[in-house]
Amino acid sequence: MLARVRPYLPTAFFAFMIVYFAFHALTGDKGLLTEKSRETTLAARQAELSRLQAERRDLEARVRLLRDDHLSRDLLEERARALLGFADPRDYVIRVHKRQQARS
């Protein structure tokens, strides 16, 4: 029985290897069928990157205005009020309560 099957073992092994690699080429992490999810992830990451770059530019501009050689009085007053909790009598104060996140 083994003598009759022995000539087909290399062919069966190579056929198994072809099926194995074809399956992973289609469904693996970098497979052909996961291209859409990679594109979606890439678009989300690019949007996050542009948002973070804009936030960084804003923070750099604020830091530049708070340096000793070029101090913006308005920005300094705004930061002092925010940190100390003071308000000018002529200011309108709108309090917004943060929602508590559900704890898991």
Protein backbone atom coordinates (compact mmCIF):
# COMPACT_ATOMS: atom_id res chain seq x y z
CA MET A 1 0.00 0.00 0.00
CA LEU A 2 2.76 2.44 0.97
CA ALA A 3 4.66 1.54 -2.18
CA ARG A 4 1.66 2.58 -4.31
CA VAL A 5 1.27 5.96 -2.49
CA ARG A 6 4.98 6.86 -2.23
CA PRO A 7 5.33 8.30 -5.79
CA TYR A 8 2.45 10.73 -5.13
CA LEU A 9 3.78 12.10 -1.79
CA PRO A 10 5.98 14.86 -3.31
CA THR A 11 3.12 15.95 -5.56
CA ALA A 12 0.70 16.01 -2.62
CA PHE A 13 3.23 17.95 -0.52
CA PHE A 14 3.73 20.59 -3.22
CA ALA A 15 -0.01 20.83 -3.84
CA PHE A 16 -0.55 21.39 -0.12
CA MET A 17 2.15 24.10 -0.08
CA ILE A 18 0.57 25.85 -3.09
CA VAL A 19 -2.85 25.84 -1.44
CA TYR A 20 -1.36 27.04 1.86
CA PHE A 21 0.50 29.99 0.33
CA ALA A 22 -2.41 30.90 -1.96
CA PHE A 23 -4.76 30.97 1.02
CA HIS A 24 -2.46 33.29 2.98
CA ALA A 25 -1.81 35.46 -0.07
CA LEU A 26 -5.54 36.12 -0.25
CA THR A 27 -6.52 36.36 3.40
CA GLY A 28 -3.34 37.20 5.34
CA ASP A 29 -2.52 40.54 6.99
CA LYS A 30 -1.20 41.88 3.70
CA GLY A 31 -3.39 39.72 1.47
CA LEU A 32 -5.32 40.74 -1.59
CA LEU A 33 -8.72 40.57 0.13
CA THR A 34 -7.70 42.93 2.95
CA GLU A 35 -6.72 45.81 0.65
CA LYS A 36 -9.98 47.70 1.31
CA SER A 37 -9.48 47.64 5.07
CA ARG A 38 -5.90 48.84 4.62
CA GLU A 39 -7.10 51.74 2.48
CA THR A 40 -9.71 52.66 5.10
CA THR A 41 -7.10 52.52 7.86
CA LEU A 42 -4.70 54.60 5.79
CA ALA A 43 -7.35 57.27 5.16
CA ALA A 44 -8.18 57.43 8.87
CA ARG A 45 -4.52 57.71 9.82
CA GLN A 46 -3.93 60.45 7.22
CA ALA A 47 -6.89 62.43 8.60
CA GLU A 48 -5.53 62.01 12.13
CA LEU A 49 -2.08 63.10 10.96
CA SER A 50 -3.41 66.27 9.33
CA ARG A 51 -5.44 67.06 12.48
CA LEU A 52 -2.39 66.57 14.68
CA GLN A 53 -0.22 68.68 12.38
CA ALA A 54 -2.77 71.52 12.56
CA GLU A 55 -2.91 71.19 16.34
CA ARG A 56 0.88 71.29 16.49
CA ARG A 57 1.02 74.44 14.33
CA ASP A 58 -1.53 76.07 16.64
CA LEU A 59 0.43 75.12 19.75
CA GLU A 60 3.69 76.31 18.23
CA ALA A 61 2.07 79.67 17.41
CA ARG A 62 0.78 79.97 20.98
CA VAL A 63 4.19 79.11 22.41
CA ARG A 64 5.82 81.65 20.12
CA LEU A 65 3.46 84.32 21.51
CA LEU A 66 4.35 83.41 25.10
CA ARG A 67 8.13 83.75 24.70
CA ASP A 68 9.97 86.45 26.62
CA ASP A 69 11.14 88.34 23.54
CA HIS A 70 7.63 88.57 22.06
CA LEU A 71 4.98 88.35 24.77
CA SER A 72 1.34 88.67 23.74
CA ARG A 73 -0.57 90.32 26.57
CA ASP A 74 -3.91 88.97 25.33
CA LEU A 75 -2.71 85.39 25.24
CA LEU A 76 -1.02 85.75 28.62
CA GLU A 77 -4.24 87.13 30.12
CA GLU A 78 -6.28 84.33 28.53
CA ARG A 79 -3.98 81.64 29.95
CA ALA A 80 -3.90 83.26 33.40
CA ARG A 81 -7.69 83.40 33.52
CA ALA A 82 -8.01 79.80 32.36
CA LEU A 83 -5.50 78.50 34.90
CA LEU A 84 -6.60 80.63 37.85
CA GLY A 85 -10.32 80.49 37.13
CA PHE A 86 -10.85 84.27 37.07
CA ALA A 87 -13.12 86.20 34.74
CA ASP A 88 -13.48 89.86 33.90
CA PRO A 89 -16.81 91.38 35.07
CA ARG A 90 -17.56 92.26 31.44
CA ASP A 91 -17.03 88.68 30.21
CA TYR A 92 -19.80 86.24 29.46
CA VAL A 93 -19.05 82.91 31.11
CA ILE A 94 -20.63 79.76 29.77
CA ARG A 95 -19.92 76.66 31.83
CA VAL A 96 -19.84 73.38 30.04
CA HIS A 97 -19.73 70.18 32.07
CA LYS A 98 -17.80 67.30 30.60
CA ARG A 99 -19.68 64.05 30.27
CA GLN A 100 -18.43 61.26 32.45
CA GLN A 101 -17.23 58.36 30.38
CA ALA A 102 -18.82 55.01 31.08
CA ARG A 103 -16.48 52.83 33.06
CA SER A 104 -16.05 49.29 31.93
